[in-house]
Amino acid sequence: MIHRLRGRVPSINSETFIHESAQIIGDVRIAKDVSVWPQAVLRGDDKNFIEIGDGSNIQDGCICHVTPDFPLHIGRMVTVGHGAILHACKIEDGALIGIGAKVLDGATVRKGAQVGAGAVVPPGRIIPEGALAIGIPAKVVRELTEEEKNENVHNAMEYIELWKRDYYKEGDEI
């Protein structure tokens, strides 16, 4: 469902997939080829916004929210794994947020980085470009290989193919 909140209306590119059980509320800006899967909640209120770049996917059960001090920026070709929570943070292009991970207020996950399943990135923490961070609190344990960084983007491409193949039918409105 798509909801207006305090006069703020989501802006959604026509070439996206929003599952009917997902909740898109308030100032949420969704670019081309984005997919938002069942039970995901994206709420852009508190005088701030959520912005999702081309080709990113927000998987089942994710929660995405903002604060008055911080918007939520999700770059291009980002994968946000099942049940992850992104709260008023920045996720740069080609990053991957693992299943059940949490990235909190003012934190930044740089380009091509990975936050492991179940990890918690504390407020204000920066995960460097191309790094793997795991644990509670999340700590960088190593650099990703080029193959792993490429796999992050490949994963996002697979989600674009998935919704276009399995959910979009010729003649349907996108």
N, C-alpha and C. Protein backbone atom coordinates (compact mmCIF):
# COMPACT_ATOMS: atom_id res chain seq x y z
N MET A 1 0.84 -1.19 0.00
CA MET A 1 0.00 0.00 0.00
C MET A 1 0.88 1.24 0.00
N ILE A 2 0.40 2.23 -0.68
CA ILE A 2 1.11 3.50 -0.77
C ILE A 2 0.27 4.54 -0.03
N HIS A 3 0.90 5.24 0.92
CA HIS A 3 0.17 6.14 1.81
C HIS A 3 0.77 7.54 1.81
N ARG A 4 -0.10 8.52 1.81
CA ARG A 4 0.27 9.91 2.05
C ARG A 4 0.44 10.07 3.56
N LEU A 5 1.38 10.90 3.99
CA LEU A 5 1.56 11.17 5.42
C LEU A 5 1.90 12.64 5.60
N ARG A 6 1.06 13.35 6.34
CA ARG A 6 1.26 14.79 6.59
C ARG A 6 1.52 15.56 5.30
N GLY A 7 0.77 15.22 4.27
CA GLY A 7 0.90 15.90 2.99
C GLY A 7 2.05 15.41 2.14
N ARG A 8 2.82 14.46 2.62
CA ARG A 8 3.96 13.92 1.86
C ARG A 8 3.51 12.67 1.13
N VAL A 9 3.83 12.62 -0.16
CA VAL A 9 3.38 11.54 -1.02
C VAL A 9 4.59 10.81 -1.60
N PRO A 10 4.61 9.48 -1.58
CA PRO A 10 5.72 8.76 -2.20
C PRO A 10 5.86 9.08 -3.68
N SER A 11 7.09 9.09 -4.15
CA SER A 11 7.39 9.28 -5.57
C SER A 11 8.04 7.99 -6.06
N ILE A 12 7.33 7.27 -6.93
CA ILE A 12 7.77 5.94 -7.33
C ILE A 12 7.87 5.87 -8.85
N ASN A 13 9.05 5.54 -9.35
CA ASN A 13 9.24 5.37 -10.78
C ASN A 13 8.27 4.30 -11.29
N SER A 14 7.76 4.47 -12.49
CA SER A 14 6.79 3.51 -13.04
C SER A 14 7.41 2.15 -13.31
N GLU A 15 8.72 2.06 -13.45
CA GLU A 15 9.38 0.78 -13.71
C GLU A 15 10.01 0.24 -12.42
N THR A 16 9.13 -0.10 -11.48
CA THR A 16 9.55 -0.69 -10.21
C THR A 16 8.58 -1.81 -9.87
N PHE A 17 8.95 -2.58 -8.84
CA PHE A 17 8.03 -3.58 -8.31
C PHE A 17 7.83 -3.29 -6.83
N ILE A 18 6.58 -3.02 -6.46
CA ILE A 18 6.21 -2.83 -5.07
C ILE A 18 5.18 -3.92 -4.76
N HIS A 19 5.53 -4.87 -3.91
CA HIS A 19 4.58 -5.94 -3.56
C HIS A 19 3.37 -5.32 -2.86
N GLU A 20 2.21 -5.89 -3.10
CA GLU A 20 0.97 -5.33 -2.55
C GLU A 20 0.94 -5.30 -1.03
N SER A 21 1.74 -6.12 -0.35
CA SER A 21 1.75 -6.10 1.11
C SER A 21 2.81 -5.17 1.69
N ALA A 22 3.64 -4.59 0.83
CA ALA A 22 4.63 -3.62 1.31
C ALA A 22 3.92 -2.32 1.66
N GLN A 23 4.50 -1.58 2.59
CA GLN A 23 3.94 -0.29 3.01
C GLN A 23 4.94 0.81 2.65
N ILE A 24 4.53 1.72 1.77
CA ILE A 24 5.35 2.85 1.35
C ILE A 24 4.62 4.10 1.86
N ILE A 25 5.22 4.79 2.83
CA ILE A 25 4.52 5.82 3.57
C ILE A 25 5.31 7.13 3.55
N GLY A 26 4.64 8.23 3.14
CA GLY A 26 5.23 9.55 3.24
C GLY A 26 6.26 9.84 2.17
N ASP A 27 7.31 10.58 2.54
CA ASP A 27 8.31 11.06 1.58
C ASP A 27 9.33 9.96 1.29
N VAL A 28 8.96 9.09 0.34
CA VAL A 28 9.81 7.98 -0.09
C VAL A 28 10.01 8.14 -1.59
N ARG A 29 11.24 8.18 -2.03
CA ARG A 29 11.58 8.41 -3.44
C ARG A 29 12.25 7.16 -3.99
N ILE A 30 11.56 6.49 -4.92
CA ILE A 30 12.01 5.21 -5.42
C ILE A 30 12.33 5.33 -6.91
N ALA A 31 13.56 4.97 -7.29
CA ALA A 31 14.04 5.08 -8.67
C ALA A 31 13.67 3.85 -9.50
N LYS A 32 14.15 3.83 -10.71
CA LYS A 32 13.87 2.77 -11.69
C LYS A 32 14.49 1.42 -11.27
N ASP A 33 13.75 0.35 -11.59
CA ASP A 33 14.20 -1.03 -11.40
C ASP A 33 14.39 -1.43 -9.94
N VAL A 34 13.81 -0.68 -9.03
CA VAL A 34 13.83 -1.03 -7.61
C VAL A 34 12.74 -2.07 -7.36
N SER A 35 12.99 -2.99 -6.43
CA SER A 35 11.95 -3.92 -5.99
C SER A 35 11.83 -3.85 -4.48
N VAL A 36 10.57 -3.82 -4.02
CA VAL A 36 10.25 -3.79 -2.59
C VAL A 36 9.33 -4.98 -2.35
N TRP A 37 9.78 -5.92 -1.52
CA TRP A 37 9.17 -7.23 -1.39
C TRP A 37 8.17 -7.30 -0.24
N PRO A 38 7.49 -8.46 -0.07
CA PRO A 38 6.39 -8.55 0.91
C PRO A 38 6.78 -8.10 2.32
N GLN A 39 5.84 -7.37 2.92
CA GLN A 39 5.90 -6.93 4.31
C GLN A 39 7.01 -5.93 4.61
N ALA A 40 7.67 -5.40 3.60
CA ALA A 40 8.65 -4.33 3.84
C ALA A 40 7.89 -3.05 4.19
N VAL A 41 8.47 -2.25 5.09
CA VAL A 41 7.88 -0.98 5.49
C VAL A 41 8.91 0.11 5.26
N LEU A 42 8.55 1.11 4.45
CA LEU A 42 9.41 2.27 4.20
C LEU A 42 8.61 3.49 4.62
N ARG A 43 9.05 4.15 5.70
CA ARG A 43 8.28 5.27 6.25
C ARG A 43 9.15 6.51 6.31
N GLY A 44 8.81 7.45 5.41
CA GLY A 44 9.53 8.73 5.34
C GLY A 44 8.73 9.82 6.01
N ASP A 45 8.92 9.97 7.31
CA ASP A 45 8.21 11.01 8.05
C ASP A 45 9.21 11.79 8.89
N ASP A 46 8.77 12.41 9.98
CA ASP A 46 9.67 13.15 10.87
C ASP A 46 10.48 14.22 10.12
N LYS A 47 9.85 14.82 9.11
CA LYS A 47 10.49 15.91 8.37
C LYS A 47 11.74 15.47 7.63
N ASN A 48 11.76 14.20 7.19
CA ASN A 48 12.88 13.73 6.39
C ASN A 48 12.39 12.73 5.37
N PHE A 49 13.29 12.16 4.57
CA PHE A 49 12.89 11.35 3.42
C PHE A 49 13.74 10.09 3.31
N ILE A 50 13.21 9.16 2.51
CA ILE A 50 13.93 7.95 2.11
C ILE A 50 14.14 8.05 0.61
N GLU A 51 15.36 7.75 0.17
CA GLU A 51 15.69 7.78 -1.25
C GLU A 51 16.36 6.46 -1.61
N ILE A 52 15.83 5.79 -2.66
CA ILE A 52 16.37 4.50 -3.08
C ILE A 52 16.79 4.60 -4.54
N GLY A 53 18.05 4.29 -4.83
CA GLY A 53 18.61 4.42 -6.17
C GLY A 53 18.28 3.25 -7.08
N ASP A 54 18.52 3.46 -8.37
CA ASP A 54 18.24 2.49 -9.42
C ASP A 54 18.73 1.09 -9.07
N GLY A 55 17.86 0.10 -9.32
CA GLY A 55 18.25 -1.29 -9.26
C GLY A 55 18.39 -1.91 -7.88
N SER A 56 18.08 -1.17 -6.84
CA SER A 56 18.20 -1.72 -5.49
C SER A 56 17.00 -2.58 -5.14
N ASN A 57 17.17 -3.46 -4.16
CA ASN A 57 16.07 -4.30 -3.71
C ASN A 57 15.99 -4.29 -2.20
N ILE A 58 14.75 -4.16 -1.73
CA ILE A 58 14.44 -4.15 -0.30
C ILE A 58 13.63 -5.42 -0.06
N GLN A 59 14.23 -6.41 0.58
CA GLN A 59 13.62 -7.73 0.66
C GLN A 59 12.58 -7.84 1.77
N ASP A 60 11.95 -8.99 1.81
CA ASP A 60 10.82 -9.27 2.69
C ASP A 60 11.09 -8.85 4.14
N GLY A 61 10.13 -8.13 4.71
CA GLY A 61 10.16 -7.82 6.13
C GLY A 61 11.14 -6.75 6.57
N CYS A 62 11.73 -6.02 5.63
CA CYS A 62 12.66 -4.94 6.01
C CYS A 62 11.90 -3.76 6.59
N ILE A 63 12.57 -3.02 7.47
CA ILE A 63 12.03 -1.78 8.01
C ILE A 63 13.02 -0.68 7.67
N CYS A 64 12.51 0.37 7.03
CA CYS A 64 13.34 1.53 6.64
C CYS A 64 12.67 2.78 7.17
N HIS A 65 13.41 3.57 7.96
CA HIS A 65 12.82 4.74 8.60
C HIS A 65 13.86 5.85 8.70
N VAL A 66 13.41 7.05 9.06
CA VAL A 66 14.25 8.24 9.15
C VAL A 66 14.10 8.88 10.53
N THR A 67 14.90 9.90 10.80
CA THR A 67 14.72 10.75 11.98
C THR A 67 14.70 12.19 11.50
N PRO A 68 14.34 13.14 12.35
CA PRO A 68 14.41 14.55 11.93
C PRO A 68 15.83 14.97 11.54
N ASP A 69 16.85 14.33 12.13
CA ASP A 69 18.24 14.70 11.87
C ASP A 69 18.87 14.01 10.66
N PHE A 70 18.36 12.82 10.30
CA PHE A 70 18.99 12.03 9.25
C PHE A 70 17.95 11.44 8.30
N PRO A 71 18.12 11.65 6.99
CA PRO A 71 17.31 10.90 6.02
C PRO A 71 17.87 9.48 5.90
N LEU A 72 17.27 8.70 5.03
CA LEU A 72 17.80 7.37 4.69
C LEU A 72 18.11 7.38 3.21
N HIS A 73 19.38 7.21 2.87
CA HIS A 73 19.83 7.13 1.49
C HIS A 73 20.27 5.70 1.20
N ILE A 74 19.68 5.12 0.16
CA ILE A 74 20.10 3.80 -0.32
C ILE A 74 20.54 4.02 -1.75
N GLY A 75 21.78 3.71 -2.06
CA GLY A 75 22.33 3.97 -3.38
C GLY A 75 21.80 3.03 -4.45
N ARG A 76 22.54 2.97 -5.54
CA ARG A 76 22.19 2.13 -6.69
C ARG A 76 22.70 0.71 -6.49
N MET A 77 21.92 -0.26 -6.97
CA MET A 77 22.32 -1.67 -6.99
C MET A 77 22.69 -2.18 -5.59
N VAL A 78 21.89 -1.79 -4.62
CA VAL A 78 22.07 -2.22 -3.23
C VAL A 78 21.09 -3.36 -2.95
N THR A 79 21.55 -4.37 -2.23
CA THR A 79 20.67 -5.44 -1.74
C THR A 79 20.52 -5.27 -0.23
N VAL A 80 19.26 -5.22 0.21
CA VAL A 80 18.95 -5.15 1.64
C VAL A 80 18.23 -6.46 1.97
N GLY A 81 18.92 -7.35 2.70
CA GLY A 81 18.45 -8.70 2.97
C GLY A 81 17.21 -8.76 3.85
N HIS A 82 16.57 -9.90 3.83
CA HIS A 82 15.33 -10.16 4.56
C HIS A 82 15.43 -9.69 6.01
N GLY A 83 14.41 -8.93 6.43
CA GLY A 83 14.30 -8.55 7.82
C GLY A 83 15.32 -7.54 8.32
N ALA A 84 16.08 -6.93 7.44
CA ALA A 84 17.06 -5.93 7.86
C ALA A 84 16.33 -4.65 8.29
N ILE A 85 17.01 -3.87 9.14
CA ILE A 85 16.49 -2.58 9.57
C ILE A 85 17.51 -1.52 9.19
N LEU A 86 17.07 -0.54 8.42
CA LEU A 86 17.89 0.61 8.07
C LEU A 86 17.23 1.83 8.70
N HIS A 87 17.93 2.48 9.62
CA HIS A 87 17.34 3.60 10.35
C HIS A 87 18.19 4.84 10.18
N ALA A 88 17.72 5.76 9.33
CA ALA A 88 18.34 7.08 9.19
C ALA A 88 19.84 6.98 8.94
N CYS A 89 20.22 6.23 7.90
CA CYS A 89 21.62 5.97 7.60
C CYS A 89 21.88 6.14 6.10
N LYS A 90 23.09 5.84 5.68
CA LYS A 90 23.45 5.95 4.27
C LYS A 90 24.09 4.65 3.83
N ILE A 91 23.53 4.07 2.75
CA ILE A 91 24.07 2.84 2.16
C ILE A 91 24.49 3.21 0.73
N GLU A 92 25.76 3.13 0.44
CA GLU A 92 26.26 3.56 -0.86
C GLU A 92 26.12 2.46 -1.92
N ASP A 93 26.34 2.85 -3.17
CA ASP A 93 26.17 1.98 -4.34
C ASP A 93 26.87 0.63 -4.16
N GLY A 94 26.16 -0.43 -4.60
CA GLY A 94 26.75 -1.75 -4.66
C GLY A 94 26.98 -2.43 -3.33
N ALA A 95 26.47 -1.86 -2.24
CA ALA A 95 26.63 -2.48 -0.93
C ALA A 95 25.60 -3.59 -0.74
N LEU A 96 25.85 -4.45 0.23
CA LEU A 96 24.92 -5.51 0.58
C LEU A 96 24.74 -5.51 2.09
N ILE A 97 23.47 -5.47 2.50
CA ILE A 97 23.13 -5.52 3.92
C ILE A 97 22.53 -6.90 4.16
N GLY A 98 23.17 -7.68 5.02
CA GLY A 98 22.78 -9.07 5.23
C GLY A 98 21.45 -9.24 5.96
N ILE A 99 20.95 -10.46 5.91
CA ILE A 99 19.68 -10.82 6.54
C ILE A 99 19.71 -10.43 8.02
N GLY A 100 18.68 -9.70 8.44
CA GLY A 100 18.51 -9.35 9.84
C GLY A 100 19.51 -8.34 10.39
N ALA A 101 20.33 -7.75 9.53
CA ALA A 101 21.29 -6.75 9.99
C ALA A 101 20.57 -5.45 10.33
N LYS A 102 21.24 -4.63 11.15
CA LYS A 102 20.70 -3.31 11.51
C LYS A 102 21.78 -2.27 11.28
N VAL A 103 21.40 -1.18 10.60
CA VAL A 103 22.31 -0.06 10.38
C VAL A 103 21.59 1.16 10.96
N LEU A 104 22.21 1.80 11.96
CA LEU A 104 21.52 2.79 12.77
C LEU A 104 21.90 4.24 12.43
N ASP A 105 21.27 5.16 13.10
CA ASP A 105 21.29 6.60 12.83
C ASP A 105 22.68 7.16 12.53
N GLY A 106 22.77 7.79 11.36
CA GLY A 106 24.00 8.47 10.99
C GLY A 106 25.14 7.57 10.54
N ALA A 107 24.92 6.27 10.53
CA ALA A 107 25.96 5.34 10.07
C ALA A 107 26.04 5.38 8.54
N THR A 108 27.19 5.01 8.01
CA THR A 108 27.40 4.94 6.56
C THR A 108 28.05 3.62 6.21
N VAL A 109 27.48 2.95 5.21
CA VAL A 109 28.08 1.76 4.64
C VAL A 109 28.56 2.18 3.25
N ARG A 110 29.86 2.24 3.08
CA ARG A 110 30.45 2.76 1.84
C ARG A 110 30.27 1.80 0.66
N LYS A 111 30.58 2.32 -0.50
CA LYS A 111 30.42 1.62 -1.78
C LYS A 111 31.01 0.20 -1.74
N GLY A 112 30.18 -0.75 -2.19
CA GLY A 112 30.65 -2.12 -2.34
C GLY A 112 30.93 -2.87 -1.06
N ALA A 113 30.58 -2.30 0.10
CA ALA A 113 30.83 -2.98 1.38
C ALA A 113 29.71 -3.98 1.66
N GLN A 114 29.96 -4.84 2.63
CA GLN A 114 28.97 -5.83 3.06
C GLN A 114 28.85 -5.79 4.57
N VAL A 115 27.59 -5.78 5.04
CA VAL A 115 27.31 -5.92 6.46
C VAL A 115 26.73 -7.32 6.62
N GLY A 116 27.38 -8.16 7.40
CA GLY A 116 26.98 -9.55 7.53
C GLY A 116 25.63 -9.74 8.20
N ALA A 117 25.05 -10.90 7.99
CA ALA A 117 23.76 -11.25 8.58
C ALA A 117 23.80 -11.05 10.09
N GLY A 118 22.77 -10.38 10.61
CA GLY A 118 22.62 -10.19 12.05
C GLY A 118 23.52 -9.14 12.66
N ALA A 119 24.38 -8.53 11.89
CA ALA A 119 25.30 -7.51 12.43
C ALA A 119 24.53 -6.24 12.79
N VAL A 120 25.11 -5.47 13.71
CA VAL A 120 24.53 -4.18 14.10
C VAL A 120 25.60 -3.11 13.91
N VAL A 121 25.34 -2.19 12.99
CA VAL A 121 26.24 -1.06 12.75
C VAL A 121 25.75 0.08 13.65
N PRO A 122 26.53 0.46 14.68
CA PRO A 122 26.08 1.46 15.64
C PRO A 122 25.94 2.85 15.01
N PRO A 123 25.22 3.74 15.70
CA PRO A 123 25.06 5.11 15.21
C PRO A 123 26.41 5.76 14.89
N GLY A 124 26.46 6.42 13.74
CA GLY A 124 27.63 7.18 13.35
C GLY A 124 28.80 6.38 12.82
N ARG A 125 28.79 5.06 12.90
CA ARG A 125 29.91 4.22 12.45
C ARG A 125 30.00 4.27 10.92
N ILE A 126 31.19 4.21 10.39
CA ILE A 126 31.43 4.15 8.95
C ILE A 126 32.08 2.82 8.62
N ILE A 127 31.43 2.08 7.71
CA ILE A 127 32.01 0.84 7.21
C ILE A 127 32.71 1.20 5.90
N PRO A 128 34.02 1.02 5.82
CA PRO A 128 34.78 1.48 4.65
C PRO A 128 34.38 0.79 3.34
N GLU A 129 34.72 1.44 2.25
CA GLU A 129 34.46 0.90 0.92
C GLU A 129 35.07 -0.49 0.78
N GLY A 130 34.25 -1.43 0.26
CA GLY A 130 34.74 -2.76 -0.04
C GLY A 130 35.06 -3.63 1.15
N ALA A 131 34.61 -3.26 2.35
CA ALA A 131 34.94 -4.03 3.56
C ALA A 131 33.79 -4.96 3.93
N LEU A 132 34.12 -6.00 4.70
CA LEU A 132 33.13 -6.89 5.30
C LEU A 132 33.10 -6.58 6.79
N ALA A 133 31.89 -6.25 7.29
CA ALA A 133 31.71 -5.98 8.72
C ALA A 133 30.72 -6.99 9.29
N ILE A 134 31.08 -7.59 10.43
CA ILE A 134 30.21 -8.57 11.06
C ILE A 134 30.18 -8.32 12.57
N GLY A 135 29.17 -8.90 13.22
CA GLY A 135 29.12 -8.90 14.68
C GLY A 135 28.27 -7.79 15.27
N ILE A 136 28.24 -7.82 16.62
CA ILE A 136 27.49 -6.84 17.40
C ILE A 136 28.42 -6.32 18.48
N PRO A 137 28.86 -5.08 18.38
CA PRO A 137 28.67 -4.17 17.26
C PRO A 137 29.50 -4.61 16.06
N ALA A 138 29.08 -4.18 14.87
CA ALA A 138 29.77 -4.57 13.64
C ALA A 138 31.21 -4.06 13.64
N LYS A 139 32.10 -4.96 13.28
CA LYS A 139 33.52 -4.62 13.15
C LYS A 139 34.00 -5.11 11.79
N VAL A 140 34.87 -4.33 11.18
CA VAL A 140 35.45 -4.72 9.90
C VAL A 140 36.42 -5.86 10.15
N VAL A 141 36.23 -6.96 9.41
CA VAL A 141 37.11 -8.13 9.60
C VAL A 141 38.05 -8.34 8.42
N ARG A 142 37.70 -7.80 7.25
CA ARG A 142 38.60 -7.94 6.10
C ARG A 142 38.05 -7.15 4.93
N GLU A 143 38.89 -7.04 3.91
CA GLU A 143 38.47 -6.48 2.63
C GLU A 143 37.76 -7.56 1.82
N LEU A 144 36.75 -7.18 1.08
CA LEU A 144 36.10 -8.12 0.16
C LEU A 144 37.00 -8.32 -1.05
N THR A 145 36.93 -9.49 -1.64
CA THR A 145 37.64 -9.73 -2.89
C THR A 145 36.88 -9.03 -4.02
N GLU A 146 37.52 -8.85 -5.15
CA GLU A 146 36.83 -8.27 -6.30
C GLU A 146 35.64 -9.13 -6.70
N GLU A 147 35.81 -10.44 -6.61
CA GLU A 147 34.72 -11.36 -6.93
C GLU A 147 33.52 -11.13 -6.00
N GLU A 148 33.77 -10.94 -4.71
CA GLU A 148 32.68 -10.69 -3.76
C GLU A 148 31.99 -9.36 -4.02
N LYS A 149 32.76 -8.33 -4.35
CA LYS A 149 32.15 -7.03 -4.67
C LYS A 149 31.29 -7.14 -5.92
N ASN A 150 31.79 -7.87 -6.92
CA ASN A 150 31.00 -8.09 -8.14
C ASN A 150 29.74 -8.89 -7.84
N GLU A 151 29.83 -9.82 -6.90
CA GLU A 151 28.67 -10.63 -6.51
C GLU A 151 27.58 -9.76 -5.88
N ASN A 152 27.97 -8.72 -5.12
CA ASN A 152 26.99 -7.79 -4.56
C ASN A 152 26.11 -7.21 -5.67
N VAL A 153 26.75 -6.73 -6.72
CA VAL A 153 26.02 -6.11 -7.84
C VAL A 153 25.24 -7.18 -8.60
N HIS A 154 25.84 -8.35 -8.79
CA HIS A 154 25.15 -9.45 -9.48
C HIS A 154 23.87 -9.82 -8.73
N ASN A 155 23.92 -9.84 -7.41
CA ASN A 155 22.74 -10.14 -6.61
C ASN A 155 21.62 -9.14 -6.88
N ALA A 156 21.96 -7.86 -6.95
CA ALA A 156 20.96 -6.83 -7.24
C ALA A 156 20.38 -7.04 -8.64
N MET A 157 21.23 -7.41 -9.60
CA MET A 157 20.75 -7.66 -10.96
C MET A 157 19.79 -8.84 -11.00
N GLU A 158 20.06 -9.86 -10.19
CA GLU A 158 19.17 -11.02 -10.13
C GLU A 158 17.78 -10.63 -9.62
N TYR A 159 17.72 -9.70 -8.68
CA TYR A 159 16.42 -9.26 -8.18
C TYR A 159 15.65 -8.47 -9.23
N ILE A 160 16.34 -7.71 -10.05
CA ILE A 160 15.66 -7.01 -11.16
C ILE A 160 15.07 -8.05 -12.10
N GLU A 161 15.87 -9.04 -12.47
CA GLU A 161 15.38 -10.10 -13.37
C GLU A 161 14.22 -10.87 -12.75
N LEU A 162 14.29 -11.13 -11.45
CA LEU A 162 13.24 -11.87 -10.76
C LEU A 162 11.89 -11.18 -10.86
N TRP A 163 11.84 -9.90 -10.50
CA TRP A 163 10.53 -9.26 -10.53
C TRP A 163 10.03 -9.06 -11.96
N LYS A 164 10.93 -8.81 -12.88
CA LYS A 164 10.48 -8.64 -14.26
C LYS A 164 10.01 -9.95 -14.88
N ARG A 165 10.66 -11.04 -14.52
CA ARG A 165 10.30 -12.35 -15.06
C ARG A 165 9.05 -12.91 -14.39
N ASP A 166 8.99 -12.85 -13.07
CA ASP A 166 7.95 -13.57 -12.33
C ASP A 166 6.76 -12.71 -11.93
N TYR A 167 6.90 -11.38 -11.93
CA TYR A 167 5.80 -10.54 -11.45
C TYR A 167 5.24 -9.62 -12.52
N TYR A 168 6.03 -9.30 -13.51
CA TYR A 168 5.58 -8.42 -14.57
C TYR A 168 5.13 -9.27 -15.75
N LYS A 169 3.92 -9.07 -16.19
CA LYS A 169 3.40 -9.78 -17.34
C LYS A 169 3.13 -8.78 -18.46
N GLU A 170 3.39 -9.19 -19.68
CA GLU A 170 3.17 -8.33 -20.85
C GLU A 170 1.77 -7.74 -20.79
N GLY A 171 1.69 -6.45 -20.97
CA GLY A 171 0.40 -5.75 -20.93
C GLY A 171 0.06 -5.19 -19.56
N ASP A 172 0.76 -5.67 -18.50
CA ASP A 172 0.54 -5.10 -17.17
C ASP A 172 1.12 -3.71 -17.12
N GLU A 173 0.53 -2.89 -16.29
CA GLU A 173 1.11 -1.58 -16.03
C GLU A 173 2.27 -1.78 -15.05
N ILE A 174 3.40 -1.19 -15.36
CA ILE A 174 4.55 -1.31 -14.45
C ILE A 174 4.43 -0.22 -13.43
